[in-house]
Amino acid sequence: MMAQMAYTRLGASTRTLRGAEYEVFGKITRKIKETSQGTAFQFSELAAALHENRKFWTMLALDVTLPENQLPDEIRSNIVNLNVFVQTHTGKVLRKQGSAKILIDINVAMMRGLRG
């Protein structure tokens, strides 16, 4: 019975963390989508949304490098690699040499994974 209670608490904690990550991805992705489809006067707002996205991806990448992170090694590696891509591609978008669409697609894919 104690093991079942501990597992239930762990499951609830994981769902809460996943839900929080999902919400942050949703908020940032909406901002990127809204500001990337607008006119030039929204560029500063797009830049702010991209900055938030970069910060969040940096946080995720740092989190998966911690020894206590329980994700499988392959997923941890994929998140680190995606972070590198997000950071690089964001620079291209800010220089108007790339589209924000791929960043939106990556975030949406992560949200799907978090929803399971």
C-alpha atoms as a PDB file:
ATOM      1  CA  MET A   1       0.000   0.000   0.000  1.00  0.00           C
ATOM      2  CA  MET A   2       2.850   2.417   0.780  1.00  0.00           C
ATOM      3  CA  ALA A   3       4.448   1.677  -2.603  1.00  0.00           C
ATOM      4  CA  GLN A   4       1.162   2.376  -4.362  1.00  0.00           C
ATOM      5  CA  MET A   5       0.799   5.694  -2.529  1.00  0.00           C
ATOM      6  CA  ALA A   6       4.374   6.700  -3.411  1.00  0.00           C
ATOM      7  CA  TYR A   7       3.834   5.784  -7.058  1.00  0.00           C
ATOM      8  CA  THR A   8       0.588   7.758  -7.127  1.00  0.00           C
ATOM      9  CA  ARG A   9       2.347  10.833  -5.723  1.00  0.00           C
ATOM     10  CA  LEU A  10       5.153  10.479  -8.296  1.00  0.00           C
ATOM     11  CA  GLY A  11       2.603  10.148 -11.097  1.00  0.00           C
ATOM     12  CA  ALA A  12       0.725  13.226  -9.939  1.00  0.00           C
ATOM     13  CA  SER A  13       3.968  15.198  -9.728  1.00  0.00           C
ATOM     14  CA  THR A  14       4.969  14.135 -13.241  1.00  0.00           C
ATOM     15  CA  ARG A  15       1.559  15.076 -14.615  1.00  0.00           C
ATOM     16  CA  THR A  16       1.835  18.464 -12.940  1.00  0.00           C
ATOM     17  CA  LEU A  17       5.292  19.134 -14.391  1.00  0.00           C
ATOM     18  CA  ARG A  18       4.213  17.940 -17.824  1.00  0.00           C
ATOM     19  CA  GLY A  19       1.123  20.099 -17.624  1.00  0.00           C
ATOM     20  CA  ALA A  20       3.177  23.140 -16.672  1.00  0.00           C
ATOM     21  CA  GLU A  21       5.600  22.527 -19.548  1.00  0.00           C
ATOM     22  CA  TYR A  22       2.660  22.069 -21.908  1.00  0.00           C
ATOM     23  CA  GLU A  23       1.166  25.390 -20.818  1.00  0.00           C
ATOM     24  CA  VAL A  24       4.446  27.258 -21.272  1.00  0.00           C
ATOM     25  CA  PHE A  25       4.936  25.749 -24.731  1.00  0.00           C
ATOM     26  CA  GLY A  26       1.357  26.725 -25.607  1.00  0.00           C
ATOM     27  CA  LYS A  27       1.735  30.307 -24.432  1.00  0.00           C
ATOM     28  CA  ILE A  28       5.046  30.858 -26.213  1.00  0.00           C
ATOM     29  CA  THR A  29       3.913  29.108 -29.391  1.00  0.00           C
ATOM     30  CA  ARG A  30       0.765  31.236 -29.613  1.00  0.00           C
ATOM     31  CA  LYS A  31       2.867  34.390 -29.249  1.00  0.00           C
ATOM     32  CA  ILE A  32       5.288  33.287 -31.977  1.00  0.00           C
ATOM     33  CA  LYS A  33       2.437  32.330 -34.287  1.00  0.00           C
ATOM     34  CA  GLU A  34       0.532  35.586 -33.758  1.00  0.00           C
ATOM     35  CA  THR A  35       3.544  37.862 -34.177  1.00  0.00           C
ATOM     36  CA  SER A  36       5.183  36.009 -37.080  1.00  0.00           C
ATOM     37  CA  GLN A  37       2.077  36.329 -39.232  1.00  0.00           C
ATOM     38  CA  GLY A  38       1.739  40.072 -38.776  1.00  0.00           C
ATOM     39  CA  THR A  39       3.280  43.103 -40.359  1.00  0.00           C
ATOM     40  CA  ALA A  40       6.687  44.648 -39.757  1.00  0.00           C
ATOM     41  CA  PHE A  41       5.524  46.655 -36.735  1.00  0.00           C
ATOM     42  CA  GLN A  42       5.162  43.370 -34.823  1.00  0.00           C
ATOM     43  CA  PHE A  43       8.826  42.437 -35.239  1.00  0.00           C
ATOM     44  CA  SER A  44       9.746  43.589 -31.737  1.00  0.00           C
ATOM     45  CA  GLU A  45       6.923  41.447 -30.339  1.00  0.00           C
ATOM     46  CA  LEU A  46       8.129  38.480 -32.406  1.00  0.00           C
ATOM     47  CA  ALA A  47      11.660  39.036 -31.113  1.00  0.00           C
ATOM     48  CA  ALA A  48      10.342  39.033 -27.533  1.00  0.00           C
ATOM     49  CA  ALA A  49       8.413  35.782 -28.135  1.00  0.00           C
ATOM     50  CA  LEU A  50      11.471  34.186 -29.734  1.00  0.00           C
ATOM     51  CA  HIS A  51      13.563  35.259 -26.749  1.00  0.00           C
ATOM     52  CA  GLU A  52      11.104  33.560 -24.387  1.00  0.00           C
ATOM     53  CA  ASN A  53      11.236  30.442 -26.547  1.00  0.00           C
ATOM     54  CA  ARG A  54      15.033  30.442 -26.469  1.00  0.00           C
ATOM     55  CA  LYS A  55      15.056  30.819 -22.671  1.00  0.00           C
ATOM     56  CA  PHE A  56      12.566  27.974 -22.247  1.00  0.00           C
ATOM     57  CA  TRP A  57      14.509  25.650 -24.541  1.00  0.00           C
ATOM     58  CA  THR A  58      17.732  26.494 -22.682  1.00  0.00           C
ATOM     59  CA  MET A  59      16.015  25.605 -19.412  1.00  0.00           C
ATOM     60  CA  LEU A  60      14.780  22.290 -20.865  1.00  0.00           C
ATOM     61  CA  ALA A  61      18.227  21.424 -22.190  1.00  0.00           C
ATOM     62  CA  LEU A  62      19.853  22.209 -18.860  1.00  0.00           C
ATOM     63  CA  ASP A  63      17.238  20.191 -17.008  1.00  0.00           C
ATOM     64  CA  VAL A  64      17.833  17.035 -19.046  1.00  0.00           C
ATOM     65  CA  THR A  65      21.570  17.195 -18.331  1.00  0.00           C
ATOM     66  CA  LEU A  66      20.994  16.892 -14.591  1.00  0.00           C
ATOM     67  CA  PRO A  67      21.834  13.446 -13.181  1.00  0.00           C
ATOM     68  CA  GLU A  68      18.476  13.238 -11.388  1.00  0.00           C
ATOM     69  CA  ASN A  69      16.523  13.684 -14.628  1.00  0.00           C
ATOM     70  CA  GLN A  70      14.658  10.409 -15.193  1.00  0.00           C
ATOM     71  CA  LEU A  71      14.030  10.681 -18.940  1.00  0.00           C
ATOM     72  CA  PRO A  72      15.628   7.981 -21.093  1.00  0.00           C
ATOM     73  CA  ASP A  73      19.043   8.927 -22.500  1.00  0.00           C
ATOM     74  CA  GLU A  74      17.763   9.025 -26.090  1.00  0.00           C
ATOM     75  CA  ILE A  75      15.041  11.543 -25.255  1.00  0.00           C
ATOM     76  CA  ARG A  76      17.477  13.626 -23.228  1.00  0.00           C
ATOM     77  CA  SER A  77      19.878  13.689 -26.164  1.00  0.00           C
ATOM     78  CA  ASN A  78      17.086  14.616 -28.581  1.00  0.00           C
ATOM     79  CA  ILE A  79      16.052  17.553 -26.398  1.00  0.00           C
ATOM     80  CA  VAL A  80      19.625  18.842 -26.251  1.00  0.00           C
ATOM     81  CA  ASN A  81      19.927  18.527 -30.044  1.00  0.00           C
ATOM     82  CA  LEU A  82      16.589  20.273 -30.582  1.00  0.00           C
ATOM     83  CA  ASN A  83      17.760  23.071 -28.313  1.00  0.00           C
ATOM     84  CA  VAL A  84      20.832  23.594 -30.483  1.00  0.00           C
ATOM     85  CA  PHE A  85      18.624  23.769 -33.568  1.00  0.00           C
ATOM     86  CA  VAL A  86      16.130  26.130 -31.920  1.00  0.00           C
ATOM     87  CA  GLN A  87      18.907  28.471 -30.806  1.00  0.00           C
ATOM     88  CA  THR A  88      20.515  28.523 -34.265  1.00  0.00           C
ATOM     89  CA  HIS A  89      17.300  28.830 -36.248  1.00  0.00           C
ATOM     90  CA  THR A  90      15.996  31.579 -33.982  1.00  0.00           C
ATOM     91  CA  GLY A  91      19.026  33.642 -34.967  1.00  0.00           C
ATOM     92  CA  LYS A  92      18.099  33.144 -38.614  1.00  0.00           C
ATOM     93  CA  VAL A  93      14.526  34.252 -37.971  1.00  0.00           C
ATOM     94  CA  LEU A  94      15.741  37.354 -36.154  1.00  0.00           C
ATOM     95  CA  ARG A  95      18.003  38.167 -39.129  1.00  0.00           C
ATOM     96  CA  LYS A  96      15.001  37.614 -41.415  1.00  0.00           C
ATOM     97  CA  GLN A  97      16.784  34.688 -43.063  1.00  0.00           C
ATOM     98  CA  GLY A  98      14.350  32.030 -41.905  1.00  0.00           C
ATOM     99  CA  SER A  99      10.743  31.364 -40.989  1.00  0.00           C
ATOM    100  CA  ALA A 100       9.354  30.950 -37.494  1.00  0.00           C
ATOM    101  CA  LYS A 101       7.114  28.132 -38.773  1.00  0.00           C
ATOM    102  CA  ILE A 102       9.630  25.364 -37.993  1.00  0.00           C
ATOM    103  CA  LEU A 103       9.960  26.656 -34.419  1.00  0.00           C
ATOM    104  CA  ILE A 104       6.183  26.559 -34.090  1.00  0.00           C
ATOM    105  CA  ASP A 105       6.121  23.020 -35.516  1.00  0.00           C
ATOM    106  CA  ILE A 106       8.795  21.838 -33.057  1.00  0.00           C
ATOM    107  CA  ASN A 107       6.940  23.323 -30.095  1.00  0.00           C
ATOM    108  CA  VAL A 108       3.648  21.769 -31.228  1.00  0.00           C
ATOM    109  CA  ALA A 109       5.368  18.379 -31.565  1.00  0.00           C
ATOM    110  CA  MET A 110       6.720  18.745 -28.029  1.00  0.00           C
ATOM    111  CA  MET A 111       3.233  19.624 -26.778  1.00  0.00           C
ATOM    112  CA  ARG A 112       1.864  16.471 -28.416  1.00  0.00           C
ATOM    113  CA  GLY A 113       4.568  14.436 -26.709  1.00  0.00           C
ATOM    114  CA  LEU A 114       3.756  15.985 -23.353  1.00  0.00           C
ATOM    115  CA  ARG A 115       0.075  15.120 -23.820  1.00  0.00           C
ATOM    116  CA  GLY A 116       1.051  11.546 -24.658  1.00  0.00           C
END
